[in-house]
Amino acid sequence: MLEPKLYEDDFLSTWGKPDRTSVVAGEEFTKIDLSLWRGGAFSHSHENYVIWNYELRDLQLVFDKDNQLVTWKTSKTVRELSVPLPDGPITCSRVKAD
């Protein structure tokens, strides 16, 4: 299950490296539609956030300075996200279907 406070390493061991990464400042999140994002709260401060994109999973993950998941965006269900892709099976027990 996706939940706040999972670490980047949990996703690396599950799905491997993201297809694309970027960095955005906290105040930049005030310029996007937050209703599409799920998960925990984050600050609109000057803190930078790292965004990971998994293209085939239609998933964007946002991590804080401590490498912990703070929010995410996807059109997939938890069950759909847990289906293995051709790149290999899901092995991480912390990121799983309900």
N, C-alpha and C. Protein backbone atom coordinates (compact mmCIF):
# COMPACT_ATOMS: atom_id res chain seq x y z
N MET A 1 0.84 -1.17 0.00
CA MET A 1 0.00 0.00 0.00
C MET A 1 0.89 1.24 0.00
N LEU A 2 0.53 2.22 -0.78
CA LEU A 2 1.26 3.49 -0.74
C LEU A 2 0.84 4.22 0.52
N GLU A 3 1.83 4.72 1.22
CA GLU A 3 1.55 5.48 2.43
C GLU A 3 2.69 6.44 2.69
N PRO A 4 2.38 7.58 3.29
CA PRO A 4 3.44 8.53 3.61
C PRO A 4 4.50 7.88 4.51
N LYS A 5 5.69 8.37 4.38
CA LYS A 5 6.84 7.97 5.20
C LYS A 5 7.59 6.76 4.66
N LEU A 6 7.13 6.13 3.57
CA LEU A 6 7.96 5.11 2.95
C LEU A 6 9.20 5.80 2.40
N TYR A 7 10.29 5.09 2.34
CA TYR A 7 11.54 5.68 1.87
C TYR A 7 11.78 5.40 0.39
N GLU A 8 12.62 6.23 -0.22
CA GLU A 8 13.00 6.04 -1.61
C GLU A 8 13.50 4.61 -1.84
N ASP A 9 14.28 4.08 -0.91
CA ASP A 9 14.85 2.74 -1.06
C ASP A 9 13.77 1.67 -1.17
N ASP A 10 12.61 1.89 -0.52
CA ASP A 10 11.51 0.92 -0.63
C ASP A 10 11.05 0.80 -2.08
N PHE A 11 11.01 1.92 -2.79
CA PHE A 11 10.58 1.92 -4.19
C PHE A 11 11.69 1.42 -5.11
N LEU A 12 12.93 1.77 -4.79
CA LEU A 12 14.05 1.27 -5.60
C LEU A 12 14.11 -0.25 -5.57
N SER A 13 13.91 -0.84 -4.39
CA SER A 13 13.98 -2.30 -4.28
C SER A 13 12.75 -2.97 -4.88
N THR A 14 11.66 -2.22 -5.04
CA THR A 14 10.43 -2.78 -5.59
C THR A 14 10.37 -2.63 -7.09
N TRP A 15 10.54 -1.42 -7.59
CA TRP A 15 10.34 -1.12 -9.01
C TRP A 15 11.60 -0.68 -9.72
N GLY A 16 12.70 -0.57 -9.02
CA GLY A 16 13.93 -0.10 -9.64
C GLY A 16 13.94 1.42 -9.76
N LYS A 17 14.89 1.90 -10.52
CA LYS A 17 15.04 3.35 -10.69
C LYS A 17 13.83 3.93 -11.42
N PRO A 18 13.44 5.15 -11.06
CA PRO A 18 12.35 5.79 -11.79
C PRO A 18 12.77 6.13 -13.22
N ASP A 19 11.78 6.31 -14.08
CA ASP A 19 12.06 6.68 -15.46
C ASP A 19 12.58 8.10 -15.57
N ARG A 20 12.12 8.95 -14.68
CA ARG A 20 12.49 10.37 -14.73
C ARG A 20 12.41 10.94 -13.32
N THR A 21 13.30 11.86 -13.00
CA THR A 21 13.26 12.55 -11.71
C THR A 21 13.36 14.05 -11.94
N SER A 22 12.84 14.80 -10.99
CA SER A 22 12.97 16.26 -11.03
C SER A 22 12.92 16.78 -9.60
N VAL A 23 13.28 18.02 -9.43
CA VAL A 23 13.25 18.68 -8.12
C VAL A 23 12.36 19.91 -8.24
N VAL A 24 11.51 20.10 -7.22
CA VAL A 24 10.62 21.26 -7.22
C VAL A 24 10.63 21.87 -5.81
N ALA A 25 10.56 23.19 -5.75
CA ALA A 25 10.50 23.88 -4.47
C ALA A 25 9.09 23.79 -3.91
N GLY A 26 8.97 23.76 -2.59
CA GLY A 26 7.68 23.66 -1.93
C GLY A 26 6.68 24.70 -2.38
N GLU A 27 7.14 25.92 -2.60
CA GLU A 27 6.20 26.96 -3.01
C GLU A 27 5.64 26.73 -4.41
N GLU A 28 6.31 25.91 -5.22
CA GLU A 28 5.80 25.59 -6.56
C GLU A 28 4.54 24.73 -6.49
N PHE A 29 4.39 23.97 -5.40
CA PHE A 29 3.20 23.13 -5.27
C PHE A 29 1.93 23.96 -5.11
N THR A 30 2.06 25.20 -4.73
CA THR A 30 0.87 26.05 -4.60
C THR A 30 0.32 26.40 -5.98
N LYS A 31 1.08 26.16 -7.03
CA LYS A 31 0.66 26.50 -8.39
C LYS A 31 0.02 25.33 -9.13
N ILE A 32 -0.10 24.16 -8.48
CA ILE A 32 -0.69 23.01 -9.15
C ILE A 32 -1.98 22.61 -8.45
N ASP A 33 -2.77 21.79 -9.10
CA ASP A 33 -4.04 21.31 -8.55
C ASP A 33 -3.76 20.17 -7.57
N LEU A 34 -3.77 20.48 -6.28
CA LEU A 34 -3.43 19.48 -5.26
C LEU A 34 -4.53 18.44 -5.06
N SER A 35 -5.70 18.65 -5.62
CA SER A 35 -6.77 17.66 -5.47
C SER A 35 -6.43 16.34 -6.16
N LEU A 36 -5.47 16.36 -7.07
CA LEU A 36 -5.07 15.15 -7.78
C LEU A 36 -4.03 14.34 -7.02
N TRP A 37 -3.50 14.91 -5.96
CA TRP A 37 -2.43 14.26 -5.20
C TRP A 37 -3.01 13.61 -3.95
N ARG A 38 -2.41 12.49 -3.53
CA ARG A 38 -2.86 11.74 -2.37
C ARG A 38 -1.73 11.67 -1.35
N GLY A 39 -2.09 11.25 -0.15
CA GLY A 39 -1.07 11.00 0.85
C GLY A 39 -0.99 12.09 1.88
N GLY A 40 0.19 12.27 2.41
CA GLY A 40 0.40 13.16 3.53
C GLY A 40 0.49 14.62 3.15
N ALA A 41 0.55 15.41 4.18
CA ALA A 41 0.69 16.85 3.99
C ALA A 41 2.16 17.20 3.80
N PHE A 42 2.39 18.30 3.12
CA PHE A 42 3.75 18.78 2.96
C PHE A 42 3.74 20.28 3.07
N SER A 43 4.87 20.83 3.30
CA SER A 43 5.00 22.25 3.53
C SER A 43 5.18 23.01 2.22
N HIS A 44 4.63 24.19 2.16
CA HIS A 44 4.85 25.07 1.01
C HIS A 44 6.05 25.98 1.30
N SER A 45 6.99 25.46 2.03
CA SER A 45 8.16 26.23 2.44
C SER A 45 9.18 26.29 1.31
N HIS A 46 10.38 26.64 1.67
CA HIS A 46 11.48 26.70 0.70
C HIS A 46 12.17 25.35 0.56
N GLU A 47 11.64 24.35 1.22
CA GLU A 47 12.21 23.00 1.11
C GLU A 47 12.02 22.48 -0.31
N ASN A 48 13.02 21.78 -0.82
CA ASN A 48 12.91 21.16 -2.13
C ASN A 48 12.35 19.75 -1.99
N TYR A 49 11.59 19.35 -2.99
CA TYR A 49 11.03 18.00 -3.04
C TYR A 49 11.52 17.32 -4.32
N VAL A 50 11.74 16.03 -4.23
CA VAL A 50 12.19 15.25 -5.37
C VAL A 50 11.00 14.47 -5.91
N ILE A 51 10.75 14.59 -7.20
CA ILE A 51 9.64 13.89 -7.84
C ILE A 51 10.19 12.75 -8.69
N TRP A 52 9.66 11.57 -8.46
CA TRP A 52 10.01 10.39 -9.25
C TRP A 52 8.84 10.05 -10.13
N ASN A 53 9.10 9.76 -11.39
CA ASN A 53 8.07 9.35 -12.35
C ASN A 53 8.33 7.92 -12.81
N TYR A 54 7.32 7.08 -12.61
CA TYR A 54 7.32 5.73 -13.16
C TYR A 54 6.28 5.73 -14.27
N GLU A 55 6.75 5.86 -15.51
CA GLU A 55 5.87 6.05 -16.67
C GLU A 55 4.89 4.89 -16.86
N LEU A 56 5.37 3.65 -16.88
CA LEU A 56 4.50 2.50 -17.13
C LEU A 56 3.46 2.29 -16.03
N ARG A 57 3.75 2.77 -14.85
CA ARG A 57 2.81 2.64 -13.73
C ARG A 57 1.92 3.87 -13.60
N ASP A 58 2.14 4.89 -14.44
CA ASP A 58 1.39 6.14 -14.35
C ASP A 58 1.41 6.65 -12.92
N LEU A 59 2.61 6.80 -12.38
CA LEU A 59 2.79 7.13 -10.97
C LEU A 59 3.86 8.19 -10.80
N GLN A 60 3.52 9.20 -10.01
CA GLN A 60 4.49 10.21 -9.60
C GLN A 60 4.57 10.17 -8.07
N LEU A 61 5.79 10.10 -7.56
CA LEU A 61 6.04 10.07 -6.13
C LEU A 61 6.81 11.32 -5.74
N VAL A 62 6.48 11.91 -4.59
CA VAL A 62 7.18 13.10 -4.12
C VAL A 62 7.82 12.77 -2.78
N PHE A 63 9.14 13.01 -2.70
CA PHE A 63 9.91 12.73 -1.49
C PHE A 63 10.45 14.02 -0.89
N ASP A 64 10.57 14.03 0.44
CA ASP A 64 11.11 15.20 1.13
C ASP A 64 12.63 15.08 1.29
N LYS A 65 13.20 16.01 2.02
CA LYS A 65 14.66 16.04 2.20
C LYS A 65 15.20 14.83 2.96
N ASP A 66 14.32 14.12 3.66
CA ASP A 66 14.71 12.92 4.39
C ASP A 66 14.49 11.65 3.57
N ASN A 67 14.19 11.83 2.28
CA ASN A 67 13.94 10.71 1.36
C ASN A 67 12.69 9.92 1.70
N GLN A 68 11.73 10.57 2.36
CA GLN A 68 10.48 9.91 2.70
C GLN A 68 9.35 10.39 1.79
N LEU A 69 8.48 9.47 1.42
CA LEU A 69 7.33 9.78 0.59
C LEU A 69 6.39 10.74 1.33
N VAL A 70 6.01 11.83 0.67
CA VAL A 70 5.07 12.76 1.27
C VAL A 70 3.74 12.81 0.52
N THR A 71 3.75 12.57 -0.78
CA THR A 71 2.53 12.57 -1.55
C THR A 71 2.78 11.86 -2.88
N TRP A 72 1.69 11.50 -3.57
CA TRP A 72 1.82 10.82 -4.85
C TRP A 72 0.60 11.11 -5.71
N LYS A 73 0.77 10.83 -7.01
CA LYS A 73 -0.32 11.01 -7.96
C LYS A 73 -0.32 9.83 -8.92
N THR A 74 -1.50 9.23 -9.11
CA THR A 74 -1.65 8.12 -10.03
C THR A 74 -3.12 7.96 -10.41
N SER A 75 -3.36 7.39 -11.56
CA SER A 75 -4.73 7.05 -11.96
C SER A 75 -5.01 5.58 -11.67
N LYS A 76 -4.01 4.87 -11.17
CA LYS A 76 -4.12 3.44 -10.91
C LYS A 76 -4.61 3.16 -9.49
N THR A 77 -5.21 2.00 -9.32
CA THR A 77 -5.57 1.54 -7.99
C THR A 77 -4.35 0.86 -7.36
N VAL A 78 -4.40 0.61 -6.07
CA VAL A 78 -3.31 -0.10 -5.40
C VAL A 78 -3.13 -1.47 -6.04
N ARG A 79 -4.22 -2.13 -6.35
CA ARG A 79 -4.14 -3.46 -6.97
C ARG A 79 -3.45 -3.37 -8.34
N GLU A 80 -3.78 -2.36 -9.13
CA GLU A 80 -3.15 -2.21 -10.44
C GLU A 80 -1.66 -1.92 -10.31
N LEU A 81 -1.30 -1.14 -9.30
CA LEU A 81 0.11 -0.82 -9.09
C LEU A 81 0.92 -2.03 -8.65
N SER A 82 0.27 -3.01 -8.04
CA SER A 82 1.00 -4.17 -7.54
C SER A 82 1.18 -5.27 -8.59
N VAL A 83 0.60 -5.08 -9.77
CA VAL A 83 0.77 -6.06 -10.85
C VAL A 83 2.19 -5.94 -11.39
N PRO A 84 2.92 -7.05 -11.44
CA PRO A 84 4.30 -7.01 -11.97
C PRO A 84 4.31 -6.58 -13.44
N LEU A 85 5.28 -5.79 -13.79
CA LEU A 85 5.51 -5.39 -15.17
C LEU A 85 6.60 -6.27 -15.75
N PRO A 86 6.83 -6.21 -17.05
CA PRO A 86 7.86 -7.05 -17.68
C PRO A 86 9.25 -6.89 -17.06
N ASP A 87 9.48 -5.78 -16.34
CA ASP A 87 10.82 -5.55 -15.77
C ASP A 87 11.07 -6.38 -14.52
N GLY A 88 10.09 -7.15 -14.04
CA GLY A 88 10.34 -8.03 -12.90
C GLY A 88 9.24 -7.97 -11.86
N PRO A 89 9.26 -8.91 -10.93
CA PRO A 89 8.22 -8.99 -9.91
C PRO A 89 8.42 -7.97 -8.80
N ILE A 90 7.35 -7.71 -8.09
CA ILE A 90 7.43 -6.85 -6.90
C ILE A 90 7.94 -7.71 -5.76
N THR A 91 8.97 -7.24 -5.08
CA THR A 91 9.54 -8.02 -4.01
C THR A 91 9.48 -7.31 -2.67
N CYS A 92 9.24 -6.04 -2.66
CA CYS A 92 9.25 -5.28 -1.42
C CYS A 92 7.94 -5.47 -0.68
N SER A 93 7.99 -5.92 0.55
CA SER A 93 6.77 -6.17 1.32
C SER A 93 6.12 -4.91 1.81
N ARG A 94 6.82 -3.78 1.78
CA ARG A 94 6.24 -2.54 2.27
C ARG A 94 5.39 -1.82 1.24
N VAL A 95 5.51 -2.17 -0.02
CA VAL A 95 4.70 -1.57 -1.08
C VAL A 95 3.89 -2.70 -1.69
N LYS A 96 2.65 -2.86 -1.25
CA LYS A 96 1.86 -4.00 -1.68
C LYS A 96 0.38 -3.64 -1.73
N ALA A 97 -0.40 -4.50 -2.31
CA ALA A 97 -1.85 -4.31 -2.37
C ALA A 97 -2.44 -4.56 -1.00
N ASP A 98 -3.62 -3.99 -0.75
CA ASP A 98 -4.31 -4.20 0.53
C ASP A 98 -4.66 -5.66 0.73
